[in-house]
Amino acid sequence: MQTEITIKVKRTISDLLYSYGYLVTRKSENLLLVNLKEYETPLILVEAEGELYFQLDIIELAHLINDINLYKLLLKLNMELTPLALGIDDSRPEGEILVLVESLAIDNLYENEVVSIIENIESSILNIASLLRNYLNKQ
């Protein structure tokens, strides 16, 4: 038989990511940590208010030289990272952290959208790291 059909199967985000080779740790009802393939820091996934939020901690700002040129480069890089965005998380006791973020509406969310965001995050890490290398605080 040559008939092709599309089959949609509902499954958890953990199951989806595991099927793509990612290890996932559930920290709470709405918080997952995803081990990326080429980066030690886990990706944070939070489900809240009908959105799925992705956040990857890049570096504490205290580890970077306070240079206006760095911030200009980060803003330029932000244009290239679309749909991802760089931001600063100031909610942590350890200080301000440069983060890579994105969010998706959960309604009508397709598996490929979730996987695509994670793959975009992974592919962006090297660009960000090479840019930051010249601005590391030597102390």
N, C-alpha and C. Protein backbone atom coordinates (compact mmCIF):
# COMPACT_ATOMS: atom_id res chain seq x y z
N MET A 1 0.83 -1.17 0.00
CA MET A 1 0.00 0.00 0.00
C MET A 1 0.89 1.24 0.00
N GLN A 2 0.61 2.23 -0.84
CA GLN A 2 1.42 3.44 -0.98
C GLN A 2 0.79 4.68 -0.35
N THR A 3 -0.31 4.53 0.33
CA THR A 3 -1.00 5.67 0.93
C THR A 3 -0.19 6.20 2.10
N GLU A 4 0.02 7.52 2.13
CA GLU A 4 0.73 8.15 3.23
C GLU A 4 -0.26 8.92 4.08
N ILE A 5 -0.11 8.80 5.39
CA ILE A 5 -0.97 9.54 6.31
C ILE A 5 -0.10 10.20 7.37
N THR A 6 -0.61 11.25 7.94
CA THR A 6 0.07 11.93 9.03
C THR A 6 -0.59 11.50 10.33
N ILE A 7 0.23 11.05 11.26
CA ILE A 7 -0.30 10.60 12.55
C ILE A 7 0.28 11.51 13.62
N LYS A 8 -0.58 12.10 14.43
CA LYS A 8 -0.13 12.93 15.54
C LYS A 8 -0.29 12.12 16.83
N VAL A 9 0.77 12.11 17.59
CA VAL A 9 0.76 11.40 18.87
C VAL A 9 1.12 12.40 19.95
N LYS A 10 0.26 12.50 20.95
CA LYS A 10 0.57 13.40 22.06
C LYS A 10 1.53 12.69 23.00
N ARG A 11 2.58 13.41 23.39
CA ARG A 11 3.52 12.88 24.36
C ARG A 11 4.11 14.03 25.15
N THR A 12 4.73 13.70 26.26
CA THR A 12 5.28 14.75 27.12
C THR A 12 6.53 15.34 26.47
N ILE A 13 6.87 16.53 26.91
CA ILE A 13 8.09 17.17 26.41
C ILE A 13 9.30 16.31 26.78
N SER A 14 9.27 15.73 27.96
CA SER A 14 10.38 14.85 28.37
C SER A 14 10.55 13.70 27.39
N ASP A 15 9.46 13.05 27.05
CA ASP A 15 9.52 11.93 26.10
C ASP A 15 10.00 12.39 24.73
N LEU A 16 9.50 13.54 24.29
CA LEU A 16 9.92 14.10 23.00
C LEU A 16 11.43 14.34 22.97
N LEU A 17 11.93 15.03 23.99
CA LEU A 17 13.35 15.37 24.01
C LEU A 17 14.22 14.13 24.16
N TYR A 18 13.76 13.18 24.95
CA TYR A 18 14.50 11.92 25.09
C TYR A 18 14.62 11.21 23.74
N SER A 19 13.56 11.26 22.94
CA SER A 19 13.59 10.60 21.63
C SER A 19 14.60 11.26 20.69
N TYR A 20 14.99 12.51 20.98
CA TYR A 20 16.00 13.22 20.19
C TYR A 20 17.39 13.18 20.84
N GLY A 21 17.52 12.38 21.90
CA GLY A 21 18.83 12.19 22.53
C GLY A 21 19.15 13.13 23.67
N TYR A 22 18.18 13.86 24.17
CA TYR A 22 18.41 14.77 25.29
C TYR A 22 17.99 14.10 26.59
N LEU A 23 18.80 14.28 27.64
CA LEU A 23 18.43 13.81 28.97
C LEU A 23 17.70 14.94 29.68
N VAL A 24 16.59 14.61 30.31
CA VAL A 24 15.73 15.61 30.95
C VAL A 24 15.54 15.26 32.42
N THR A 25 15.66 16.28 33.28
CA THR A 25 15.41 16.11 34.71
C THR A 25 14.24 17.00 35.08
N ARG A 26 13.21 16.41 35.69
CA ARG A 26 12.05 17.19 36.15
C ARG A 26 12.37 17.70 37.55
N LYS A 27 12.38 19.04 37.69
CA LYS A 27 12.66 19.65 38.98
C LYS A 27 11.38 19.98 39.75
N SER A 28 10.31 20.22 39.02
CA SER A 28 9.01 20.48 39.64
C SER A 28 7.94 20.26 38.58
N GLU A 29 6.70 20.52 38.93
CA GLU A 29 5.57 20.30 38.01
C GLU A 29 5.75 21.04 36.68
N ASN A 30 6.34 22.24 36.75
CA ASN A 30 6.45 23.05 35.53
C ASN A 30 7.89 23.43 35.17
N LEU A 31 8.88 22.74 35.74
CA LEU A 31 10.29 23.07 35.50
C LEU A 31 11.08 21.83 35.10
N LEU A 32 11.72 21.91 33.93
CA LEU A 32 12.58 20.84 33.44
C LEU A 32 13.98 21.38 33.20
N LEU A 33 14.99 20.53 33.42
CA LEU A 33 16.36 20.84 33.04
C LEU A 33 16.75 19.88 31.94
N VAL A 34 17.24 20.42 30.83
CA VAL A 34 17.59 19.61 29.66
C VAL A 34 19.10 19.66 29.47
N ASN A 35 19.73 18.48 29.47
CA ASN A 35 21.17 18.41 29.21
C ASN A 35 21.39 18.54 27.71
N LEU A 36 22.10 19.59 27.32
CA LEU A 36 22.40 19.81 25.92
C LEU A 36 23.55 18.90 25.50
N LYS A 37 23.68 18.70 24.20
CA LYS A 37 24.66 17.74 23.69
C LYS A 37 26.09 18.26 23.76
N GLU A 38 26.29 19.57 23.62
CA GLU A 38 27.65 20.12 23.54
C GLU A 38 27.93 21.21 24.59
N TYR A 39 27.10 21.31 25.61
CA TYR A 39 27.23 22.40 26.57
C TYR A 39 26.90 21.87 27.95
N GLU A 40 27.74 22.17 28.95
CA GLU A 40 27.56 21.60 30.29
C GLU A 40 26.37 22.17 31.05
N THR A 41 26.10 23.45 30.89
CA THR A 41 25.01 24.08 31.63
C THR A 41 23.68 23.61 31.07
N PRO A 42 22.77 23.13 31.91
CA PRO A 42 21.49 22.65 31.39
C PRO A 42 20.59 23.79 30.92
N LEU A 43 19.79 23.48 29.92
CA LEU A 43 18.76 24.38 29.43
C LEU A 43 17.57 24.29 30.39
N ILE A 44 17.05 25.44 30.78
CA ILE A 44 15.89 25.50 31.68
C ILE A 44 14.64 25.64 30.84
N LEU A 45 13.66 24.77 31.06
CA LEU A 45 12.36 24.87 30.41
C LEU A 45 11.31 25.06 31.50
N VAL A 46 10.51 26.12 31.35
CA VAL A 46 9.47 26.43 32.32
C VAL A 46 8.15 26.57 31.58
N GLU A 47 7.13 25.89 32.08
CA GLU A 47 5.78 26.05 31.54
C GLU A 47 5.00 26.96 32.48
N ALA A 48 4.51 28.07 31.94
CA ALA A 48 3.76 29.02 32.76
C ALA A 48 2.87 29.87 31.87
N GLU A 49 1.65 30.09 32.33
CA GLU A 49 0.71 31.00 31.67
C GLU A 49 0.56 30.72 30.17
N GLY A 50 0.45 29.45 29.81
CA GLY A 50 0.22 29.08 28.41
C GLY A 50 1.44 29.21 27.51
N GLU A 51 2.61 29.37 28.11
CA GLU A 51 3.86 29.52 27.34
C GLU A 51 4.87 28.48 27.81
N LEU A 52 5.76 28.13 26.92
CA LEU A 52 6.90 27.30 27.25
C LEU A 52 8.13 28.19 27.11
N TYR A 53 8.81 28.43 28.24
CA TYR A 53 9.96 29.34 28.27
C TYR A 53 11.25 28.52 28.26
N PHE A 54 12.20 28.94 27.42
CA PHE A 54 13.50 28.32 27.32
C PHE A 54 14.52 29.34 27.83
N GLN A 55 15.44 28.90 28.69
CA GLN A 55 16.49 29.81 29.17
C GLN A 55 17.78 29.03 29.35
N LEU A 56 18.85 29.57 28.78
CA LEU A 56 20.18 29.00 28.96
C LEU A 56 21.07 30.06 29.59
N ASP A 57 21.63 29.74 30.76
CA ASP A 57 22.56 30.65 31.41
C ASP A 57 23.88 30.61 30.65
N ILE A 58 24.39 31.78 30.27
CA ILE A 58 25.63 31.86 29.52
C ILE A 58 26.81 32.15 30.45
N ILE A 59 26.75 33.28 31.16
CA ILE A 59 27.87 33.67 32.03
C ILE A 59 27.38 34.76 32.99
N GLU A 60 27.96 34.76 34.20
CA GLU A 60 27.68 35.85 35.13
C GLU A 60 28.34 37.12 34.59
N LEU A 61 27.62 38.23 34.63
CA LEU A 61 28.17 39.48 34.12
C LEU A 61 29.43 39.91 34.86
N ALA A 62 29.58 39.49 36.12
CA ALA A 62 30.77 39.83 36.89
C ALA A 62 32.04 39.25 36.27
N HIS A 63 31.90 38.22 35.44
CA HIS A 63 33.05 37.60 34.79
C HIS A 63 33.42 38.29 33.48
N LEU A 64 32.69 39.33 33.12
CA LEU A 64 32.95 40.07 31.88
C LEU A 64 33.42 41.48 32.19
N ILE A 65 34.26 42.02 31.31
CA ILE A 65 34.71 43.40 31.42
C ILE A 65 33.51 44.30 31.11
N ASN A 66 33.32 45.34 31.92
CA ASN A 66 32.24 46.28 31.69
C ASN A 66 32.67 47.25 30.59
N ASP A 67 32.32 46.93 29.36
CA ASP A 67 32.78 47.68 28.20
C ASP A 67 31.58 47.94 27.29
N ILE A 68 31.39 49.18 26.92
CA ILE A 68 30.27 49.56 26.06
C ILE A 68 30.31 48.81 24.73
N ASN A 69 31.51 48.52 24.25
CA ASN A 69 31.63 47.79 22.98
C ASN A 69 31.07 46.38 23.08
N LEU A 70 31.23 45.76 24.25
CA LEU A 70 30.66 44.43 24.45
C LEU A 70 29.14 44.48 24.31
N TYR A 71 28.52 45.46 24.94
CA TYR A 71 27.07 45.56 24.88
C TYR A 71 26.58 45.87 23.47
N LYS A 72 27.35 46.66 22.74
CA LYS A 72 27.00 46.92 21.34
C LYS A 72 27.07 45.64 20.52
N LEU A 73 28.12 44.85 20.74
CA LEU A 73 28.25 43.58 20.01
C LEU A 73 27.12 42.61 20.36
N LEU A 74 26.75 42.58 21.65
CA LEU A 74 25.65 41.70 22.06
C LEU A 74 24.33 42.12 21.42
N LEU A 75 24.10 43.43 21.32
CA LEU A 75 22.87 43.90 20.67
C LEU A 75 22.87 43.55 19.19
N LYS A 76 24.01 43.69 18.53
CA LYS A 76 24.10 43.29 17.12
C LYS A 76 23.87 41.80 16.97
N LEU A 77 24.47 41.02 17.86
CA LEU A 77 24.29 39.56 17.82
C LEU A 77 22.83 39.19 18.02
N ASN A 78 22.14 39.95 18.85
CA ASN A 78 20.71 39.69 19.09
C ASN A 78 19.91 39.69 17.78
N MET A 79 20.30 40.55 16.85
CA MET A 79 19.61 40.60 15.55
C MET A 79 19.82 39.31 14.76
N GLU A 80 20.98 38.70 14.91
CA GLU A 80 21.30 37.47 14.18
C GLU A 80 20.69 36.23 14.81
N LEU A 81 20.37 36.30 16.09
CA LEU A 81 19.88 35.14 16.83
C LEU A 81 18.39 34.88 16.68
N THR A 82 17.68 35.73 16.02
CA THR A 82 16.23 35.60 15.91
C THR A 82 15.85 34.18 15.52
N PRO A 83 14.94 33.56 16.21
CA PRO A 83 13.97 34.05 17.18
C PRO A 83 14.48 34.08 18.62
N LEU A 84 15.71 33.65 18.85
CA LEU A 84 16.28 33.68 20.20
C LEU A 84 16.65 35.12 20.57
N ALA A 85 16.88 35.33 21.85
CA ALA A 85 17.30 36.66 22.30
C ALA A 85 18.23 36.53 23.49
N LEU A 86 19.20 37.43 23.55
CA LEU A 86 20.06 37.54 24.72
C LEU A 86 19.41 38.50 25.70
N GLY A 87 19.58 38.21 26.98
CA GLY A 87 19.03 39.08 28.00
C GLY A 87 19.83 38.96 29.28
N ILE A 88 19.41 39.67 30.30
CA ILE A 88 20.06 39.62 31.61
C ILE A 88 19.04 39.17 32.63
N ASP A 89 19.39 38.10 33.34
CA ASP A 89 18.55 37.60 34.44
C ASP A 89 19.13 38.18 35.73
N ASP A 90 18.37 39.05 36.37
CA ASP A 90 18.85 39.67 37.61
C ASP A 90 18.12 39.14 38.84
N SER A 91 17.49 37.98 38.70
CA SER A 91 16.70 37.42 39.79
C SER A 91 17.49 36.45 40.67
N ARG A 92 18.76 36.25 40.39
CA ARG A 92 19.56 35.25 41.10
C ARG A 92 20.39 35.90 42.21
N PRO A 93 20.56 35.20 43.31
CA PRO A 93 21.39 35.74 44.40
C PRO A 93 22.86 35.88 44.01
N GLU A 94 23.33 35.07 43.06
CA GLU A 94 24.75 35.15 42.67
C GLU A 94 25.05 36.34 41.76
N GLY A 95 24.04 37.06 41.34
CA GLY A 95 24.25 38.25 40.53
C GLY A 95 23.60 38.14 39.16
N GLU A 96 23.87 39.15 38.34
CA GLU A 96 23.27 39.22 37.01
C GLU A 96 23.94 38.20 36.08
N ILE A 97 23.12 37.54 35.27
CA ILE A 97 23.60 36.49 34.38
C ILE A 97 23.13 36.79 32.96
N LEU A 98 24.06 36.69 32.02
CA LEU A 98 23.70 36.79 30.60
C LEU A 98 23.02 35.49 30.22
N VAL A 99 21.83 35.59 29.63
CA VAL A 99 21.05 34.40 29.29
C VAL A 99 20.61 34.46 27.82
N LEU A 100 20.36 33.29 27.29
CA LEU A 100 19.79 33.14 25.95
C LEU A 100 18.38 32.61 26.16
N VAL A 101 17.37 33.27 25.61
CA VAL A 101 15.98 32.94 25.91
C VAL A 101 15.12 32.85 24.65
N GLU A 102 13.99 32.20 24.83
CA GLU A 102 12.94 32.12 23.81
C GLU A 102 11.68 31.62 24.51
N SER A 103 10.53 31.84 23.91
CA SER A 103 9.29 31.28 24.44
C SER A 103 8.39 30.89 23.28
N LEU A 104 7.56 29.90 23.53
CA LEU A 104 6.59 29.43 22.54
C LEU A 104 5.23 29.31 23.20
N ALA A 105 4.18 29.68 22.49
CA ALA A 105 2.82 29.46 22.98
C ALA A 105 2.54 27.96 22.94
N ILE A 106 1.94 27.45 23.99
CA ILE A 106 1.70 26.00 24.09
C ILE A 106 0.55 25.55 23.20
N ASP A 107 -0.44 26.43 22.98
CA ASP A 107 -1.55 26.06 22.10
C ASP A 107 -1.03 25.71 20.72
N ASN A 108 -1.45 24.57 20.19
CA ASN A 108 -1.07 24.12 18.85
C ASN A 108 0.43 24.02 18.65
N LEU A 109 1.14 23.63 19.68
CA LEU A 109 2.59 23.50 19.62
C LEU A 109 2.97 22.19 18.95
N TYR A 110 3.84 22.26 17.97
CA TYR A 110 4.30 21.08 17.26
C TYR A 110 5.67 20.67 17.78
N GLU A 111 5.94 19.37 17.74
CA GLU A 111 7.20 18.83 18.23
C GLU A 111 8.39 19.51 17.56
N ASN A 112 8.31 19.70 16.26
CA ASN A 112 9.45 20.27 15.54
C ASN A 112 9.77 21.68 16.00
N GLU A 113 8.80 22.42 16.52
CA GLU A 113 9.06 23.77 17.03
C GLU A 113 9.94 23.71 18.28
N VAL A 114 9.63 22.78 19.18
CA VAL A 114 10.39 22.63 20.41
C VAL A 114 11.83 22.22 20.08
N VAL A 115 11.96 21.21 19.24
CA VAL A 115 13.29 20.70 18.88
C VAL A 115 14.09 21.77 18.13
N SER A 116 13.43 22.51 17.27
CA SER A 116 14.10 23.56 16.50
C SER A 116 14.68 24.64 17.41
N ILE A 117 13.94 25.03 18.43
CA ILE A 117 14.43 26.04 19.37
C ILE A 117 15.68 25.53 20.09
N ILE A 118 15.63 24.29 20.55
CA ILE A 118 16.78 23.73 21.26
C ILE A 118 17.99 23.63 20.33
N GLU A 119 17.77 23.21 19.11
CA GLU A 119 18.87 23.14 18.14
C GLU A 119 19.43 24.53 17.83
N ASN A 120 18.57 25.53 17.75
CA ASN A 120 19.02 26.92 17.54
C ASN A 120 19.86 27.40 18.72
N ILE A 121 19.43 27.05 19.92
CA ILE A 121 20.20 27.43 21.12
C ILE A 121 21.57 26.78 21.07
N GLU A 122 21.61 25.50 20.76
CA GLU A 122 22.90 24.79 20.70
C GLU A 122 23.83 25.38 19.64
N SER A 123 23.28 25.71 18.49
CA SER A 123 24.14 26.24 17.42
C SER A 123 24.57 27.68 17.69
N SER A 124 23.87 28.40 18.54
CA SER A 124 24.22 29.79 18.86
C SER A 124 25.31 29.91 19.92
N ILE A 125 25.49 28.87 20.70
CA ILE A 125 26.43 28.93 21.83
C ILE A 125 27.84 29.26 21.36
N LEU A 126 28.30 28.65 20.29
CA LEU A 126 29.67 28.89 19.82
C LEU A 126 29.87 30.34 19.38
N ASN A 127 28.89 30.91 18.70
CA ASN A 127 28.98 32.32 18.29
C ASN A 127 29.07 33.25 19.50
N ILE A 128 28.26 32.97 20.49
CA ILE A 128 28.25 33.80 21.69
C ILE A 128 29.58 33.65 22.43
N ALA A 129 30.04 32.41 22.58
CA ALA A 129 31.30 32.17 23.31
C ALA A 129 32.48 32.84 22.63
N SER A 130 32.54 32.78 21.31
CA SER A 130 33.67 33.40 20.61
C SER A 130 33.63 34.93 20.76
N LEU A 131 32.46 35.51 20.80
CA LEU A 131 32.33 36.94 21.01
C LEU A 131 32.76 37.32 22.43
N LEU A 132 32.34 36.54 23.42
CA LEU A 132 32.62 36.87 24.82
C LEU A 132 34.08 36.64 25.20
N ARG A 133 34.76 35.76 24.48
CA ARG A 133 36.14 35.40 24.81
C ARG A 133 37.04 36.64 24.96
N ASN A 134 36.82 37.64 24.14
CA ASN A 134 37.65 38.85 24.19
C ASN A 134 37.28 39.81 25.33
N TYR A 135 36.20 39.50 26.04
CA TYR A 135 35.72 40.41 27.09
C TYR A 135 35.70 39.76 28.47
N LEU A 136 36.43 38.66 28.62
CA LEU A 136 36.47 38.01 29.93
C LEU A 136 37.30 38.82 30.91
N ASN A 137 36.78 38.92 32.12
CA ASN A 137 37.48 39.63 33.18
C ASN A 137 38.66 38.76 33.60
N LYS A 138 39.87 39.30 33.57
CA LYS A 138 41.08 38.52 33.85
C LYS A 138 41.33 38.28 35.34
N GLN A 139 40.54 38.89 36.20
CA GLN A 139 40.76 38.77 37.66
C GLN A 139 40.45 37.41 38.17
